[in-house]
Amino acid sequence: ILPHDLIEIGAETGAGKTDLVTTIANLNAAAGKRVFVIALEAELGEIERRTKYGLIARWAFERKYDNAHRLSYVDWYLGRCERLIGGLDAEADEYMRTKLRGLHTFYRGAHFDGTNIEKLLTTWQTQADLFVIDHLHYVDIDDDKNENAAYKKLIKLIRNVALACGKPVILVVHLRKGDTGRREPLVPSIDRVHGSSEISKIATSAIMISRAPFVGSDWWKAPTFF
């Protein structure tokens, strides 16, 4: 990830876009970088909660905790995993406080448009090493009648601000559904990005993701294609 980059990450719903960019944000923060995540789809505090649960789950498996395989985010969120994880909850809090202090999050209010993006990026430019916007299609657009033109204008705004700030931006994008009955490639084409084709053309890199088909009950073992 280089200065001035605008990196687009696209996938279908549920393929793990937010998990991927959260992992990128956490790894960079742990390496001492200052990362600002603009979480437009998540509920308040969700990025921090998912980060904490990821630490707990990873440590439980690495340390071979009994019944670690029974852990789930939902059960942990509802307070049903205390006996499974013991002191890992407090350990994760301390790790986040000391190792991930460079991770900063912003959650949207009732209205959030291109002007808000520009203001946040320019305000934080001297404090940030990396921006993550999750995701483009949760930014309110001004022209509902010409959606493609509005997204083209928005992506140009983000790119221009990234260039002016000299800081890289990772931008999550939503995909249109694939053609029914048509054989799809292993990873989606950038042509399936929702909105103007200019979105992918303006980005310096585009990373498309898909989960591989998998038969069996262990769906979580399915590989992911990039």
C-alpha atoms as a PDB file:
ATOM      1  CA  ILE A   1       0.000   0.000   0.000  1.00  0.00           C
ATOM      2  CA  LEU A   2       1.714   3.156  -1.253  1.00  0.00           C
ATOM      3  CA  PRO A   3       1.070   6.852  -0.586  1.00  0.00           C
ATOM      4  CA  HIS A   4      -1.619   8.285  -2.900  1.00  0.00           C
ATOM      5  CA  ASP A   5      -3.101   4.811  -3.558  1.00  0.00           C
ATOM      6  CA  LEU A   6      -6.857   4.351  -3.861  1.00  0.00           C
ATOM      7  CA  ILE A   7      -7.409   0.622  -3.420  1.00  0.00           C
ATOM      8  CA  GLU A   8     -10.832  -0.784  -4.238  1.00  0.00           C
ATOM      9  CA  ILE A   9     -12.003  -3.986  -2.548  1.00  0.00           C
ATOM     10  CA  GLY A  10     -15.129  -5.603  -3.948  1.00  0.00           C
ATOM     11  CA  ALA A  11     -17.135  -8.751  -3.257  1.00  0.00           C
ATOM     12  CA  GLU A  12     -20.685  -9.969  -2.981  1.00  0.00           C
ATOM     13  CA  THR A  13     -22.587  -9.543   0.275  1.00  0.00           C
ATOM     14  CA  GLY A  14     -21.281 -11.814   3.025  1.00  0.00           C
ATOM     15  CA  ALA A  15     -17.968 -12.665   1.365  1.00  0.00           C
ATOM     16  CA  GLY A  16     -15.909 -10.944   4.078  1.00  0.00           C
ATOM     17  CA  LYS A  17     -15.120  -7.438   2.803  1.00  0.00           C
ATOM     18  CA  THR A  18     -15.453  -5.816   6.219  1.00  0.00           C
ATOM     19  CA  ASP A  19     -13.495  -8.619   7.903  1.00  0.00           C
ATOM     20  CA  LEU A  20     -10.688  -8.184   5.365  1.00  0.00           C
ATOM     21  CA  VAL A  21     -10.365  -4.408   5.717  1.00  0.00           C
ATOM     22  CA  THR A  22     -10.659  -4.680   9.507  1.00  0.00           C
ATOM     23  CA  THR A  23      -7.762  -7.165   9.460  1.00  0.00           C
ATOM     24  CA  ILE A  24      -5.713  -4.811   7.273  1.00  0.00           C
ATOM     25  CA  ALA A  25      -6.497  -1.924   9.628  1.00  0.00           C
ATOM     26  CA  ASN A  26      -5.582  -3.958  12.723  1.00  0.00           C
ATOM     27  CA  LEU A  27      -2.294  -5.259  11.293  1.00  0.00           C
ATOM     28  CA  ASN A  28      -1.224  -1.763  10.310  1.00  0.00           C
ATOM     29  CA  ALA A  29      -2.220  -0.339  13.699  1.00  0.00           C
ATOM     30  CA  ALA A  30      -0.284  -3.130  15.451  1.00  0.00           C
ATOM     31  CA  ALA A  31       2.746  -2.171  13.322  1.00  0.00           C
ATOM     32  CA  GLY A  32       2.566   1.376  14.662  1.00  0.00           C
ATOM     33  CA  LYS A  33       0.589   3.002  11.845  1.00  0.00           C
ATOM     34  CA  ARG A  34      -2.248   5.437  12.443  1.00  0.00           C
ATOM     35  CA  VAL A  35      -5.349   4.029  10.770  1.00  0.00           C
ATOM     36  CA  PHE A  36      -8.705   5.778  10.465  1.00  0.00           C
ATOM     37  CA  VAL A  37     -11.693   3.562   9.621  1.00  0.00           C
ATOM     38  CA  ILE A  38     -14.852   5.278   8.370  1.00  0.00           C
ATOM     39  CA  ALA A  39     -17.426   2.553   9.096  1.00  0.00           C
ATOM     40  CA  LEU A  40     -20.592   3.552   7.273  1.00  0.00           C
ATOM     41  CA  GLU A  41     -22.368   0.173   7.334  1.00  0.00           C
ATOM     42  CA  ALA A  42     -21.503  -0.967  10.864  1.00  0.00           C
ATOM     43  CA  GLU A  43     -23.383  -0.231  14.060  1.00  0.00           C
ATOM     44  CA  LEU A  44     -21.688   1.855  16.743  1.00  0.00           C
ATOM     45  CA  GLY A  45     -18.667   0.025  18.191  1.00  0.00           C
ATOM     46  CA  GLU A  46     -18.938  -2.950  15.808  1.00  0.00           C
ATOM     47  CA  ILE A  47     -15.384  -2.713  14.423  1.00  0.00           C
ATOM     48  CA  GLU A  48     -13.935  -2.728  17.945  1.00  0.00           C
ATOM     49  CA  ARG A  49     -16.149  -5.665  18.975  1.00  0.00           C
ATOM     50  CA  ARG A  50     -15.214  -7.724  15.906  1.00  0.00           C
ATOM     51  CA  THR A  51     -11.545  -6.936  16.477  1.00  0.00           C
ATOM     52  CA  LYS A  52     -11.776  -8.059  20.091  1.00  0.00           C
ATOM     53  CA  TYR A  53     -13.633 -11.261  19.240  1.00  0.00           C
ATOM     54  CA  GLY A  54     -11.070 -12.052  16.529  1.00  0.00           C
ATOM     55  CA  LEU A  55      -8.269 -11.844  19.102  1.00  0.00           C
ATOM     56  CA  ILE A  56     -10.148 -14.032  21.577  1.00  0.00           C
ATOM     57  CA  ALA A  57     -10.987 -16.690  18.982  1.00  0.00           C
ATOM     58  CA  ARG A  58      -7.447 -16.777  17.583  1.00  0.00           C
ATOM     59  CA  TRP A  59      -5.860 -17.139  21.015  1.00  0.00           C
ATOM     60  CA  ALA A  60      -8.383 -19.818  22.070  1.00  0.00           C
ATOM     61  CA  PHE A  61      -7.418 -21.974  19.068  1.00  0.00           C
ATOM     62  CA  GLU A  62      -3.687 -21.268  19.316  1.00  0.00           C
ATOM     63  CA  ARG A  63      -3.663 -22.224  22.984  1.00  0.00           C
ATOM     64  CA  LYS A  64      -5.854 -25.281  22.377  1.00  0.00           C
ATOM     65  CA  TYR A  65      -8.667 -24.267  24.705  1.00  0.00           C
ATOM     66  CA  ASP A  66     -11.229 -26.992  25.302  1.00  0.00           C
ATOM     67  CA  ASN A  67     -14.353 -26.384  23.195  1.00  0.00           C
ATOM     68  CA  ALA A  68     -12.718 -23.522  21.288  1.00  0.00           C
ATOM     69  CA  HIS A  69     -14.609 -24.786  18.236  1.00  0.00           C
ATOM     70  CA  ARG A  70     -17.869 -23.874  19.994  1.00  0.00           C
ATOM     71  CA  LEU A  71     -17.019 -20.171  20.005  1.00  0.00           C
ATOM     72  CA  SER A  72     -19.173 -17.923  17.838  1.00  0.00           C
ATOM     73  CA  TYR A  73     -19.329 -14.167  17.512  1.00  0.00           C
ATOM     74  CA  VAL A  74     -23.054 -14.039  18.266  1.00  0.00           C
ATOM     75  CA  ASP A  75     -22.781 -16.162  21.428  1.00  0.00           C
ATOM     76  CA  TRP A  76     -19.803 -14.110  22.635  1.00  0.00           C
ATOM     77  CA  TYR A  77     -21.658 -10.865  21.882  1.00  0.00           C
ATOM     78  CA  LEU A  78     -24.615 -12.098  23.957  1.00  0.00           C
ATOM     79  CA  GLY A  79     -22.335 -13.022  26.885  1.00  0.00           C
ATOM     80  CA  ARG A  80     -22.646 -16.801  26.556  1.00  0.00           C
ATOM     81  CA  CYS A  81     -18.934 -17.655  26.299  1.00  0.00           C
ATOM     82  CA  GLU A  82     -17.465 -16.601  29.639  1.00  0.00           C
ATOM     83  CA  ARG A  83     -16.714 -20.154  30.763  1.00  0.00           C
ATOM     84  CA  LEU A  84     -15.097 -20.981  27.405  1.00  0.00           C
ATOM     85  CA  ILE A  85     -12.673 -18.073  27.238  1.00  0.00           C
ATOM     86  CA  GLY A  86     -11.704 -17.406  30.864  1.00  0.00           C
ATOM     87  CA  GLY A  87      -9.368 -14.400  31.074  1.00  0.00           C
ATOM     88  CA  LEU A  88      -9.048 -13.881  27.319  1.00  0.00           C
ATOM     89  CA  ASP A  89     -11.633 -11.093  27.391  1.00  0.00           C
ATOM     90  CA  ALA A  90      -9.513  -8.910  29.691  1.00  0.00           C
ATOM     91  CA  GLU A  91      -6.354  -9.861  27.769  1.00  0.00           C
ATOM     92  CA  ALA A  92      -7.956  -8.694  24.508  1.00  0.00           C
ATOM     93  CA  ASP A  93      -8.962  -5.386  26.135  1.00  0.00           C
ATOM     94  CA  GLU A  94      -5.362  -4.795  27.211  1.00  0.00           C
ATOM     95  CA  TYR A  95      -4.000  -5.730  23.757  1.00  0.00           C
ATOM     96  CA  MET A  96      -6.343  -3.286  22.063  1.00  0.00           C
ATOM     97  CA  ARG A  97      -5.479  -0.544  24.542  1.00  0.00           C
ATOM     98  CA  THR A  98      -1.724  -0.922  24.139  1.00  0.00           C
ATOM     99  CA  LYS A  99      -1.088  -2.459  20.701  1.00  0.00           C
ATOM    100  CA  LEU A 100      -3.972  -1.021  18.687  1.00  0.00           C
ATOM    101  CA  ARG A 101      -4.003   2.510  20.027  1.00  0.00           C
ATOM    102  CA  GLY A 102      -3.361   3.752  16.474  1.00  0.00           C
ATOM    103  CA  LEU A 103      -6.745   2.418  15.313  1.00  0.00           C
ATOM    104  CA  HIS A 104      -9.474   5.072  15.135  1.00  0.00           C
ATOM    105  CA  THR A 105     -13.067   4.596  13.998  1.00  0.00           C
ATOM    106  CA  PHE A 106     -15.829   6.875  12.816  1.00  0.00           C
ATOM    107  CA  TYR A 107     -19.467   5.773  12.575  1.00  0.00           C
ATOM    108  CA  ARG A 108     -21.980   7.588  10.413  1.00  0.00           C
ATOM    109  CA  GLY A 109     -24.981   9.543  11.638  1.00  0.00           C
ATOM    110  CA  ALA A 110     -28.335   9.987   9.931  1.00  0.00           C
ATOM    111  CA  HIS A 111     -26.791  11.662   6.875  1.00  0.00           C
ATOM    112  CA  PHE A 112     -23.311  11.234   5.393  1.00  0.00           C
ATOM    113  CA  ASP A 113     -22.344  12.488   1.939  1.00  0.00           C
ATOM    114  CA  GLY A 114     -19.275  13.398  -0.117  1.00  0.00           C
ATOM    115  CA  THR A 115     -18.838  16.654   1.760  1.00  0.00           C
ATOM    116  CA  ASN A 116     -18.521  14.715   5.009  1.00  0.00           C
ATOM    117  CA  ILE A 117     -15.902  12.393   3.456  1.00  0.00           C
ATOM    118  CA  GLU A 118     -13.872  15.358   2.213  1.00  0.00           C
ATOM    119  CA  LYS A 119     -14.051  17.052   5.608  1.00  0.00           C
ATOM    120  CA  LEU A 120     -12.975  13.927   7.523  1.00  0.00           C
ATOM    121  CA  LEU A 121     -10.048  13.100   5.229  1.00  0.00           C
ATOM    122  CA  THR A 122      -8.713  16.644   5.190  1.00  0.00           C
ATOM    123  CA  THR A 123      -9.174  17.038   8.957  1.00  0.00           C
ATOM    124  CA  TRP A 124      -7.333  13.794   9.731  1.00  0.00           C
ATOM    125  CA  GLN A 125      -4.692  13.950   6.990  1.00  0.00           C
ATOM    126  CA  THR A 126      -1.846  14.997   9.287  1.00  0.00           C
ATOM    127  CA  GLN A 127      -2.809  12.364  11.879  1.00  0.00           C
ATOM    128  CA  ALA A 128      -3.317   9.364   9.567  1.00  0.00           C
ATOM    129  CA  ASP A 129      -1.131   6.895   7.683  1.00  0.00           C
ATOM    130  CA  LEU A 130      -4.062   4.998   6.146  1.00  0.00           C
ATOM    131  CA  PHE A 131      -7.784   5.588   5.578  1.00  0.00           C
ATOM    132  CA  VAL A 132     -10.403   2.839   5.209  1.00  0.00           C
ATOM    133  CA  ILE A 133     -13.889   3.668   3.909  1.00  0.00           C
ATOM    134  CA  ASP A 134     -16.430   0.869   4.361  1.00  0.00           C
ATOM    135  CA  HIS A 135     -18.184   1.328   2.102  1.00  0.00           C
ATOM    136  CA  LEU A 136     -18.743   3.601  -0.919  1.00  0.00           C
ATOM    137  CA  HIS A 137     -22.377   2.696  -1.455  1.00  0.00           C
ATOM    138  CA  TYR A 138     -23.355   3.783   2.056  1.00  0.00           C
ATOM    139  CA  VAL A 139     -22.365   7.361   1.250  1.00  0.00           C
ATOM    140  CA  ASP A 140     -25.471   9.412   0.513  1.00  0.00           C
ATOM    141  CA  ILE A 141     -25.496  10.684  -3.066  1.00  0.00           C
ATOM    142  CA  ASP A 142     -27.045  13.930  -4.256  1.00  0.00           C
ATOM    143  CA  ASP A 143     -28.633  12.779  -7.505  1.00  0.00           C
ATOM    144  CA  ASP A 144     -30.938   9.770  -7.237  1.00  0.00           C
ATOM    145  CA  LYS A 145     -32.044  10.219 -10.848  1.00  0.00           C
ATOM    146  CA  ASN A 146     -28.521   9.771 -12.217  1.00  0.00           C
ATOM    147  CA  GLU A 147     -26.908   7.396  -9.756  1.00  0.00           C
ATOM    148  CA  ASN A 148     -23.957   6.477 -11.976  1.00  0.00           C
ATOM    149  CA  ALA A 149     -22.983  10.111 -12.497  1.00  0.00           C
ATOM    150  CA  ALA A 150     -23.255  10.730  -8.751  1.00  0.00           C
ATOM    151  CA  TYR A 151     -20.943   7.807  -7.928  1.00  0.00           C
ATOM    152  CA  LYS A 152     -18.480   8.935 -10.599  1.00  0.00           C
ATOM    153  CA  LYS A 153     -18.387  12.372  -8.978  1.00  0.00           C
ATOM    154  CA  LEU A 154     -17.957  10.818  -5.528  1.00  0.00           C
ATOM    155  CA  ILE A 155     -15.088   8.515  -6.506  1.00  0.00           C
ATOM    156  CA  LYS A 156     -13.285  11.421  -8.180  1.00  0.00           C
ATOM    157  CA  LEU A 157     -13.697  13.450  -4.999  1.00  0.00           C
ATOM    158  CA  ILE A 158     -12.198  10.653  -2.872  1.00  0.00           C
ATOM    159  CA  ARG A 159      -9.313  10.187  -5.323  1.00  0.00           C
ATOM    160  CA  ASN A 160      -8.552  13.931  -5.440  1.00  0.00           C
ATOM    161  CA  VAL A 161      -8.574  14.203  -1.655  1.00  0.00           C
ATOM    162  CA  ALA A 162      -6.274  11.144  -1.374  1.00  0.00           C
ATOM    163  CA  LEU A 163      -3.856  12.762  -3.821  1.00  0.00           C
ATOM    164  CA  ALA A 164      -3.963  16.076  -1.988  1.00  0.00           C
ATOM    165  CA  CYS A 165      -3.444  14.407   1.404  1.00  0.00           C
ATOM    166  CA  GLY A 166      -0.752  12.035   0.148  1.00  0.00           C
ATOM    167  CA  LYS A 167      -2.293   9.218   2.197  1.00  0.00           C
ATOM    168  CA  PRO A 168      -3.620   5.904   0.847  1.00  0.00           C
ATOM    169  CA  VAL A 169      -7.318   5.076   0.942  1.00  0.00           C
ATOM    170  CA  ILE A 170      -8.856   1.595   0.961  1.00  0.00           C
ATOM    171  CA  LEU A 171     -12.399   1.746  -0.396  1.00  0.00           C
ATOM    172  CA  VAL A 172     -14.909  -1.099  -0.060  1.00  0.00           C
ATOM    173  CA  VAL A 173     -17.450  -1.333  -2.899  1.00  0.00           C
ATOM    174  CA  HIS A 174     -20.655  -3.289  -3.468  1.00  0.00           C
ATOM    175  CA  LEU A 175     -21.240  -5.508  -6.509  1.00  0.00           C
ATOM    176  CA  ARG A 176     -24.287  -5.974  -8.658  1.00  0.00           C
ATOM    177  CA  LYS A 177     -25.698  -9.502  -8.822  1.00  0.00           C
ATOM    178  CA  GLY A 178     -24.211 -11.739 -11.510  1.00  0.00           C
ATOM    179  CA  ASP A 179     -26.160 -12.788 -14.580  1.00  0.00           C
ATOM    180  CA  THR A 180     -28.433 -15.738 -13.819  1.00  0.00           C
ATOM    181  CA  GLY A 181     -27.501 -18.804 -15.858  1.00  0.00           C
ATOM    182  CA  ARG A 182     -24.187 -17.362 -16.975  1.00  0.00           C
ATOM    183  CA  ARG A 183     -20.989 -19.054 -15.898  1.00  0.00           C
ATOM    184  CA  GLU A 184     -19.138 -16.734 -13.552  1.00  0.00           C
ATOM    185  CA  PRO A 185     -15.328 -16.456 -13.291  1.00  0.00           C
ATOM    186  CA  LEU A 186     -13.577 -17.550 -10.096  1.00  0.00           C
ATOM    187  CA  VAL A 187     -13.548 -13.936  -8.943  1.00  0.00           C
ATOM    188  CA  PRO A 188     -16.079 -11.272  -9.972  1.00  0.00           C
ATOM    189  CA  SER A 189     -15.208  -8.864 -12.761  1.00  0.00           C
ATOM    190  CA  ILE A 190     -14.695  -5.190 -11.930  1.00  0.00           C
ATOM    191  CA  ASP A 191     -17.564  -4.568 -14.363  1.00  0.00           C
ATOM    192  CA  ARG A 192     -19.907  -5.765 -11.616  1.00  0.00           C
ATOM    193  CA  VAL A 193     -19.054  -2.888  -9.276  1.00  0.00           C
ATOM    194  CA  HIS A 194     -22.312  -1.100  -8.542  1.00  0.00           C
ATOM    195  CA  GLY A 195     -22.511   2.315 -10.180  1.00  0.00           C
ATOM    196  CA  SER A 196     -20.318   4.006 -12.760  1.00  0.00           C
ATOM    197  CA  SER A 197     -17.552   2.060 -14.522  1.00  0.00           C
ATOM    198  CA  GLU A 198     -15.336   5.019 -13.583  1.00  0.00           C
ATOM    199  CA  ILE A 199     -15.175   3.692 -10.002  1.00  0.00           C
ATOM    200  CA  SER A 200     -12.704   0.958 -10.943  1.00  0.00           C
ATOM    201  CA  LYS A 201     -10.919   3.042 -13.578  1.00  0.00           C
ATOM    202  CA  ILE A 202     -10.095   5.800 -11.094  1.00  0.00           C
ATOM    203  CA  ALA A 203      -8.842   3.377  -8.429  1.00  0.00           C
ATOM    204  CA  THR A 204      -5.116   2.566  -8.600  1.00  0.00           C
ATOM    205  CA  SER A 205      -5.742  -1.082  -7.670  1.00  0.00           C
ATOM    206  CA  ALA A 206      -8.823  -3.292  -7.593  1.00  0.00           C
ATOM    207  CA  ILE A 207      -9.023  -6.431  -5.454  1.00  0.00           C
ATOM    208  CA  MET A 208     -12.020  -8.687  -6.061  1.00  0.00           C
ATOM    209  CA  ILE A 209     -12.933 -11.503  -3.702  1.00  0.00           C
ATOM    210  CA  SER A 210     -15.142 -14.584  -3.812  1.00  0.00           C
ATOM    211  CA  ARG A 211     -15.672 -17.618  -1.635  1.00  0.00           C
ATOM    212  CA  ALA A 212     -14.977 -20.905  -3.412  1.00  0.00           C
ATOM    213  CA  PRO A 213     -17.866 -23.365  -3.824  1.00  0.00           C
ATOM    214  CA  PHE A 214     -17.739 -25.899  -1.012  1.00  0.00           C
ATOM    215  CA  VAL A 215     -19.722 -29.064  -0.374  1.00  0.00           C
ATOM    216  CA  GLY A 216     -20.143 -30.249   3.213  1.00  0.00           C
ATOM    217  CA  SER A 217     -21.027 -28.993   6.660  1.00  0.00           C
ATOM    218  CA  ASP A 218     -17.633 -27.364   7.314  1.00  0.00           C
ATOM    219  CA  TRP A 219     -18.482 -24.353   5.130  1.00  0.00           C
ATOM    220  CA  TRP A 220     -15.966 -22.211   6.997  1.00  0.00           C
ATOM    221  CA  LYS A 221     -13.124 -24.271   5.493  1.00  0.00           C
ATOM    222  CA  ALA A 222     -13.962 -23.028   1.988  1.00  0.00           C
ATOM    223  CA  PRO A 223     -10.995 -21.207   0.437  1.00  0.00           C
ATOM    224  CA  THR A 224     -11.308 -17.644  -0.753  1.00  0.00           C
ATOM    225  CA  PHE A 225     -10.236 -16.482  -4.216  1.00  0.00           C
ATOM    226  CA  PHE A 226      -8.626 -13.058  -4.754  1.00  0.00           C
END
